[in-house]
Protein backbone atom coordinates (compact mmCIF):
# COMPACT_ATOMS: atom_id res chain seq x y z
CA UNK A 1 123.15 20.53 -40.43
CA UNK A 2 123.09 16.80 -42.68
CA UNK A 3 119.87 15.28 -44.12
CA UNK A 4 119.62 12.17 -45.66
CA UNK A 5 117.44 10.18 -47.55
CA UNK A 6 117.55 6.48 -48.68
CA UNK A 7 116.91 4.71 -52.43
CA UNK A 8 115.90 1.23 -52.51
CA UNK A 9 115.77 -0.39 -56.30
CA UNK A 10 114.54 -4.10 -57.03
CA UNK A 11 114.94 -5.39 -60.32
CA UNK A 12 116.32 -4.32 -63.76
CA UNK A 13 116.18 -0.60 -64.75
CA UNK A 14 113.00 -0.55 -66.91
CA UNK A 15 111.27 -3.47 -65.33
CA UNK A 16 112.21 -2.78 -61.82
CA UNK A 17 110.81 -0.37 -59.16
CA UNK A 18 112.26 1.10 -56.19
CA UNK A 19 111.39 3.35 -52.87
CA UNK A 20 112.10 6.58 -51.20
CA UNK A 21 112.49 7.51 -48.05
CA UNK A 22 113.56 10.41 -46.31
CA UNK A 23 114.91 11.37 -43.04
CA UNK A 24 111.32 13.17 -41.84
CA UNK A 25 109.60 10.20 -43.58
CA UNK A 26 107.29 12.73 -45.57
CA UNK A 27 108.20 9.98 -48.03
CA UNK A 28 108.27 6.64 -46.58
CA UNK A 29 108.69 3.87 -48.97
CA UNK A 30 107.52 6.13 -51.58
CA UNK A 31 107.39 4.66 -55.32
CA UNK A 32 109.37 5.00 -58.12
CA UNK A 33 110.02 3.39 -61.42
CA UNK A 34 110.89 3.82 -64.78
CA UNK A 35 107.50 4.58 -65.70
CA UNK A 36 107.07 7.07 -63.07
CA UNK A 37 110.06 8.87 -64.17
CA UNK A 38 109.83 8.61 -67.95
CA UNK A 39 105.93 8.05 -68.78
CA UNK A 40 102.85 8.64 -66.44
CA UNK A 41 103.44 6.03 -63.88
CA UNK A 42 102.05 6.43 -60.11
CA UNK A 43 105.21 7.69 -57.89
CA UNK A 44 107.58 10.33 -57.74
CA UNK A 45 110.77 10.67 -59.58
CA UNK A 46 113.98 12.20 -59.14
CA UNK A 47 113.46 15.56 -61.51
CA UNK A 48 110.01 16.06 -59.58
CA UNK A 49 111.89 15.84 -56.10
CA UNK A 50 114.61 18.57 -57.57
CA UNK A 51 111.81 20.44 -58.75
CA UNK A 52 110.12 20.63 -55.41
CA UNK A 53 113.21 21.33 -53.34
CA UNK A 54 113.95 24.26 -55.79
CA UNK A 55 110.84 25.82 -55.50
CA UNK A 56 110.62 25.50 -51.65
CA UNK A 57 114.22 26.74 -51.43
CA UNK A 58 113.77 29.60 -53.96
CA UNK A 59 110.66 30.92 -52.00
CA UNK A 60 112.04 30.69 -48.51
CA UNK A 61 115.19 32.59 -49.84
CA UNK A 62 113.04 35.23 -51.51
CA UNK A 63 110.78 35.28 -47.72
CA UNK A 64 113.83 36.20 -46.22
CA UNK A 65 115.30 38.52 -48.34
CA UNK A 66 112.05 40.41 -48.54
CA UNK A 67 112.12 40.18 -44.80
CA UNK A 68 115.55 41.48 -44.64
CA UNK A 69 114.40 44.60 -46.86
CA UNK A 70 111.30 45.58 -44.41
CA UNK A 71 108.68 43.26 -46.59
CA UNK A 72 106.38 40.91 -45.43
CA UNK A 73 104.97 38.74 -48.62
CA UNK A 74 100.94 38.42 -48.50
CA UNK A 75 101.83 34.84 -50.74
CA UNK A 76 104.86 34.05 -52.66
CA UNK A 77 103.87 30.84 -54.92
CA UNK A 78 106.44 29.66 -56.95
CA UNK A 79 106.15 26.50 -59.32
CA UNK A 80 109.38 25.01 -60.81
CA UNK A 81 109.57 23.34 -64.21
CA UNK A 82 113.15 20.92 -64.22
CA UNK A 83 114.05 19.82 -67.73
CA UNK A 84 115.69 16.55 -68.64
CA UNK A 85 117.11 15.94 -72.04
CA UNK A 86 119.33 13.31 -72.89
CA UNK A 87 120.21 12.01 -69.17
CA UNK A 88 121.13 15.55 -67.71
CA UNK A 89 119.12 18.43 -65.85
CA UNK A 90 119.32 21.29 -68.72
CA UNK A 91 117.52 23.62 -66.91
CA UNK A 92 115.30 24.70 -63.65
CA UNK A 93 112.26 27.25 -64.81
CA UNK A 94 111.06 28.96 -61.77
CA UNK A 95 107.19 30.68 -61.90
CA UNK A 96 106.50 33.00 -59.36
CA UNK A 97 103.61 34.55 -58.20
CA UNK A 98 103.82 37.14 -55.46
CA UNK A 99 101.67 39.47 -53.55
CA UNK A 100 103.84 41.87 -51.46
CA UNK A 101 101.87 44.94 -50.02
CA UNK A 102 104.25 47.86 -50.37
CA UNK A 103 106.96 47.00 -52.71
CA UNK A 104 108.00 48.43 -55.78
CA UNK A 105 108.90 46.68 -58.85
CA UNK A 106 112.56 47.15 -59.04
CA UNK A 107 113.01 46.23 -55.17
CA UNK A 108 110.78 43.31 -56.01
CA UNK A 109 112.88 42.48 -59.12
CA UNK A 110 116.03 42.84 -57.00
CA UNK A 111 114.90 40.78 -54.06
CA UNK A 112 113.67 38.01 -56.89
CA UNK A 113 117.52 37.93 -58.33
CA UNK A 114 119.06 37.53 -55.01
CA UNK A 115 116.97 34.74 -54.03
CA UNK A 116 117.62 32.90 -57.56
CA UNK A 117 121.22 33.10 -57.12
CA UNK A 118 121.82 32.44 -53.36
CA UNK A 119 119.14 30.18 -52.25
CA UNK A 120 121.35 26.43 -51.68
CA UNK A 121 119.51 24.63 -54.20
CA UNK A 122 120.31 27.08 -57.15
CA UNK A 123 123.80 27.09 -55.92
CA UNK A 124 123.76 23.26 -56.30
CA UNK A 125 122.28 22.97 -59.68
CA UNK A 126 124.73 22.80 -62.34
CA UNK A 127 122.23 23.76 -65.10
CA UNK A 128 120.68 26.96 -66.40
CA UNK A 129 118.02 28.66 -64.07
CA UNK A 130 115.63 30.85 -65.03
CA UNK A 131 112.64 32.86 -63.57
CA UNK A 132 109.30 34.39 -64.45
CA UNK A 133 108.54 36.77 -61.76
CA UNK A 134 104.92 37.94 -61.84
CA UNK A 135 103.78 40.92 -58.88
CA UNK A 136 100.58 40.86 -58.11
CA UNK A 137 98.21 43.67 -57.19
């Protein structure tokens, strides 16, 4: 499987602007700019997209890991916080809130670690990855 996305940029780095379009067209000429990346401008940015990709990948991988262990989650909610420092992504911190009927804390923690280590986006990122996982009642 291969997926693709296209970036178009016009103008200088600080004053210019660009658009991003994904193969699925979920993003279709979606605006990005210096301000949307480094300030509070309208549009998306690469770090936000990496955070979305990591949250989605980890959560789906965890669903499969739990399923293989015989558990079906009622809900998994993951927020990813990607840190950019001095031009380098230094960390992706995942915060998970999970409702998984019948699972004990040890099996839950083991499943979370498996998903953290083995989701394709975790494998692709060359950065520190941390997870705070909360098993809700």
